[in-house]
Amino acid sequence: MFDGFWDNVSRYPRFLVTIILGIFVNTFGWLTPLFKRPVTAIALIGFLVGLLIFVSLTLRAMLGLSAI
């Protein structure tokens, strides 16, 4: 009755990772042509770093983690 139960259960984490990677690739796949030209790549990396710093500083200020 439960011959392949654990084999079937072990497939779920692999399926979850596949789904998450698929969502990531489809969400950010449109950015790959922008990395082909150095000017747009530098601008895009600068924008992403700036966005990450902005979100980090905003969350720190909102949560009161450190005085800036």
N, C-alpha and C. Protein backbone atom coordinates (compact mmCIF):
# COMPACT_ATOMS: atom_id res chain seq x y z
N MET A 1 0.82 -1.19 0.00
CA MET A 1 0.00 0.00 0.00
C MET A 1 0.87 1.26 0.00
N PHE A 2 1.91 1.28 0.82
CA PHE A 2 2.79 2.45 0.91
C PHE A 2 4.17 2.13 0.33
N ASP A 3 4.19 1.49 -0.81
CA ASP A 3 5.46 1.05 -1.39
C ASP A 3 6.37 2.23 -1.73
N GLY A 4 5.88 3.20 -2.43
CA GLY A 4 6.72 4.31 -2.86
C GLY A 4 6.42 5.60 -2.12
N PHE A 5 5.96 5.48 -0.89
CA PHE A 5 5.55 6.68 -0.14
C PHE A 5 6.70 7.65 0.07
N TRP A 6 7.82 7.20 0.64
CA TRP A 6 8.93 8.10 0.93
C TRP A 6 9.61 8.59 -0.35
N ASP A 7 9.58 7.77 -1.37
CA ASP A 7 10.11 8.22 -2.66
C ASP A 7 9.26 9.36 -3.21
N ASN A 8 7.97 9.24 -3.07
CA ASN A 8 7.06 10.29 -3.52
C ASN A 8 7.21 11.55 -2.67
N VAL A 9 7.35 11.40 -1.36
CA VAL A 9 7.50 12.55 -0.47
C VAL A 9 8.82 13.27 -0.75
N SER A 10 9.85 12.53 -1.10
CA SER A 10 11.14 13.17 -1.36
C SER A 10 11.14 13.99 -2.65
N ARG A 11 10.16 13.82 -3.49
CA ARG A 11 10.08 14.60 -4.73
C ARG A 11 9.52 16.00 -4.51
N TYR A 12 8.80 16.23 -3.45
CA TYR A 12 8.17 17.53 -3.22
C TYR A 12 9.17 18.66 -3.02
N PRO A 13 10.25 18.51 -2.24
CA PRO A 13 11.21 19.62 -2.15
C PRO A 13 11.86 19.96 -3.49
N ARG A 14 12.15 18.95 -4.29
CA ARG A 14 12.72 19.19 -5.61
C ARG A 14 11.73 19.94 -6.50
N PHE A 15 10.46 19.58 -6.41
CA PHE A 15 9.41 20.28 -7.15
C PHE A 15 9.30 21.73 -6.69
N LEU A 16 9.39 21.97 -5.39
CA LEU A 16 9.30 23.33 -4.85
C LEU A 16 10.47 24.19 -5.34
N VAL A 17 11.67 23.64 -5.34
CA VAL A 17 12.83 24.39 -5.82
C VAL A 17 12.67 24.70 -7.30
N THR A 18 12.16 23.75 -8.07
CA THR A 18 11.95 23.97 -9.50
C THR A 18 10.94 25.08 -9.75
N ILE A 19 9.87 25.09 -9.01
CA ILE A 19 8.85 26.13 -9.15
C ILE A 19 9.42 27.50 -8.79
N ILE A 20 10.18 27.59 -7.70
CA ILE A 20 10.76 28.87 -7.28
C ILE A 20 11.75 29.37 -8.32
N LEU A 21 12.60 28.49 -8.85
CA LEU A 21 13.55 28.90 -9.88
C LEU A 21 12.83 29.34 -11.15
N GLY A 22 11.76 28.68 -11.51
CA GLY A 22 10.99 29.06 -12.69
C GLY A 22 10.37 30.44 -12.54
N ILE A 23 9.84 30.73 -11.37
CA ILE A 23 9.27 32.04 -11.11
C ILE A 23 10.35 33.11 -11.16
N PHE A 24 11.52 32.81 -10.58
CA PHE A 24 12.63 33.76 -10.59
C PHE A 24 13.10 34.05 -12.01
N VAL A 25 13.26 33.02 -12.82
CA VAL A 25 13.73 33.20 -14.20
C VAL A 25 12.72 33.97 -15.03
N ASN A 26 11.45 33.67 -14.87
CA ASN A 26 10.43 34.38 -15.64
C ASN A 26 10.25 35.83 -15.17
N THR A 27 10.49 36.08 -13.90
CA THR A 27 10.34 37.44 -13.39
C THR A 27 11.48 38.33 -13.82
N PHE A 28 12.71 37.82 -13.75
CA PHE A 28 13.88 38.64 -14.01
C PHE A 28 14.55 38.33 -15.35
N GLY A 29 13.93 37.53 -16.18
CA GLY A 29 14.50 37.17 -17.47
C GLY A 29 14.60 38.34 -18.43
N TRP A 30 13.73 39.31 -18.30
CA TRP A 30 13.75 40.46 -19.20
C TRP A 30 14.95 41.36 -18.93
N LEU A 31 15.64 41.19 -17.81
CA LEU A 31 16.80 42.02 -17.50
C LEU A 31 18.07 41.53 -18.20
N THR A 32 18.11 40.30 -18.68
CA THR A 32 19.34 39.75 -19.25
C THR A 32 19.81 40.51 -20.49
N PRO A 33 18.95 40.99 -21.40
CA PRO A 33 19.49 41.77 -22.52
C PRO A 33 20.14 43.08 -22.09
N LEU A 34 19.73 43.60 -20.95
CA LEU A 34 20.32 44.86 -20.48
C LEU A 34 21.76 44.68 -20.01
N PHE A 35 22.15 43.45 -19.66
CA PHE A 35 23.51 43.21 -19.21
C PHE A 35 24.49 43.02 -20.36
N LYS A 36 24.02 43.03 -21.59
CA LYS A 36 24.92 42.82 -22.73
C LYS A 36 25.72 44.07 -23.07
N ARG A 37 25.18 45.23 -22.78
CA ARG A 37 25.91 46.48 -23.03
C ARG A 37 26.48 46.98 -21.70
N PRO A 38 27.75 47.36 -21.67
CA PRO A 38 28.37 47.77 -20.39
C PRO A 38 27.70 48.97 -19.74
N VAL A 39 27.24 49.92 -20.54
CA VAL A 39 26.64 51.13 -19.97
C VAL A 39 25.34 50.79 -19.24
N THR A 40 24.49 50.02 -19.86
CA THR A 40 23.23 49.66 -19.20
C THR A 40 23.47 48.69 -18.05
N ALA A 41 24.49 47.85 -18.15
CA ALA A 41 24.79 46.93 -17.06
C ALA A 41 25.23 47.69 -15.81
N ILE A 42 26.10 48.67 -15.99
CA ILE A 42 26.56 49.47 -14.85
C ILE A 42 25.40 50.26 -14.25
N ALA A 43 24.56 50.83 -15.10
CA ALA A 43 23.40 51.58 -14.61
C ALA A 43 22.42 50.68 -13.86
N LEU A 44 22.20 49.49 -14.40
CA LEU A 44 21.27 48.55 -13.76
C LEU A 44 21.81 48.06 -12.43
N ILE A 45 23.10 47.74 -12.37
CA ILE A 45 23.69 47.30 -11.11
C ILE A 45 23.65 48.43 -10.08
N GLY A 46 23.95 49.65 -10.51
CA GLY A 46 23.86 50.80 -9.61
C GLY A 46 22.45 51.02 -9.09
N PHE A 47 21.47 50.86 -9.97
CA PHE A 47 20.07 51.00 -9.56
C PHE A 47 19.68 49.92 -8.55
N LEU A 48 20.08 48.69 -8.80
CA LEU A 48 19.73 47.58 -7.89
C LEU A 48 20.41 47.74 -6.53
N VAL A 49 21.67 48.17 -6.53
CA VAL A 49 22.36 48.40 -5.26
C VAL A 49 21.71 49.56 -4.51
N GLY A 50 21.38 50.62 -5.22
CA GLY A 50 20.70 51.75 -4.58
C GLY A 50 19.35 51.37 -4.01
N LEU A 51 18.62 50.55 -4.75
CA LEU A 51 17.32 50.08 -4.27
C LEU A 51 17.47 49.23 -3.01
N LEU A 52 18.47 48.36 -3.00
CA LEU A 52 18.71 47.52 -1.83
C LEU A 52 19.09 48.35 -0.61
N ILE A 53 19.93 49.35 -0.81
CA ILE A 53 20.33 50.23 0.30
C ILE A 53 19.13 51.03 0.79
N PHE A 54 18.31 51.53 -0.14
CA PHE A 54 17.13 52.30 0.24
C PHE A 54 16.17 51.46 1.09
N VAL A 55 15.91 50.24 0.64
CA VAL A 55 14.99 49.37 1.39
C VAL A 55 15.59 49.02 2.75
N SER A 56 16.88 48.76 2.80
CA SER A 56 17.53 48.43 4.06
C SER A 56 17.46 49.58 5.04
N LEU A 57 17.79 50.79 4.59
CA LEU A 57 17.74 51.95 5.49
C LEU A 57 16.31 52.27 5.92
N THR A 58 15.37 52.10 5.02
CA THR A 58 13.97 52.35 5.37
C THR A 58 13.48 51.37 6.44
N LEU A 59 13.81 50.09 6.26
CA LEU A 59 13.39 49.10 7.26
C LEU A 59 14.09 49.32 8.60
N ARG A 60 15.36 49.69 8.55
CA ARG A 60 16.06 49.97 9.82
C ARG A 60 15.41 51.15 10.54
N ALA A 61 15.05 52.18 9.81
CA ALA A 61 14.41 53.35 10.43
C ALA A 61 13.03 53.01 10.95
N MET A 62 12.28 52.22 10.20
CA MET A 62 10.93 51.87 10.62
C MET A 62 10.93 50.97 11.85
N LEU A 63 11.91 50.07 11.93
CA LEU A 63 11.96 49.12 13.03
C LEU A 63 12.77 49.65 14.22
N GLY A 64 13.44 50.78 14.04
CA GLY A 64 14.21 51.36 15.13
C GLY A 64 15.44 50.54 15.49
N LEU A 65 16.08 49.91 14.51
CA LEU A 65 17.21 49.05 14.81
C LEU A 65 18.48 49.84 15.10
N SER A 66 18.68 50.95 14.43
CA SER A 66 19.87 51.75 14.69
C SER A 66 19.58 53.21 14.37
N ALA A 67 20.29 54.07 15.04
CA ALA A 67 20.16 55.50 14.78
C ALA A 67 21.07 55.86 13.61
N ILE A 68 20.52 56.55 12.63
CA ILE A 68 21.28 56.92 11.44
C ILE A 68 21.62 58.39 11.50
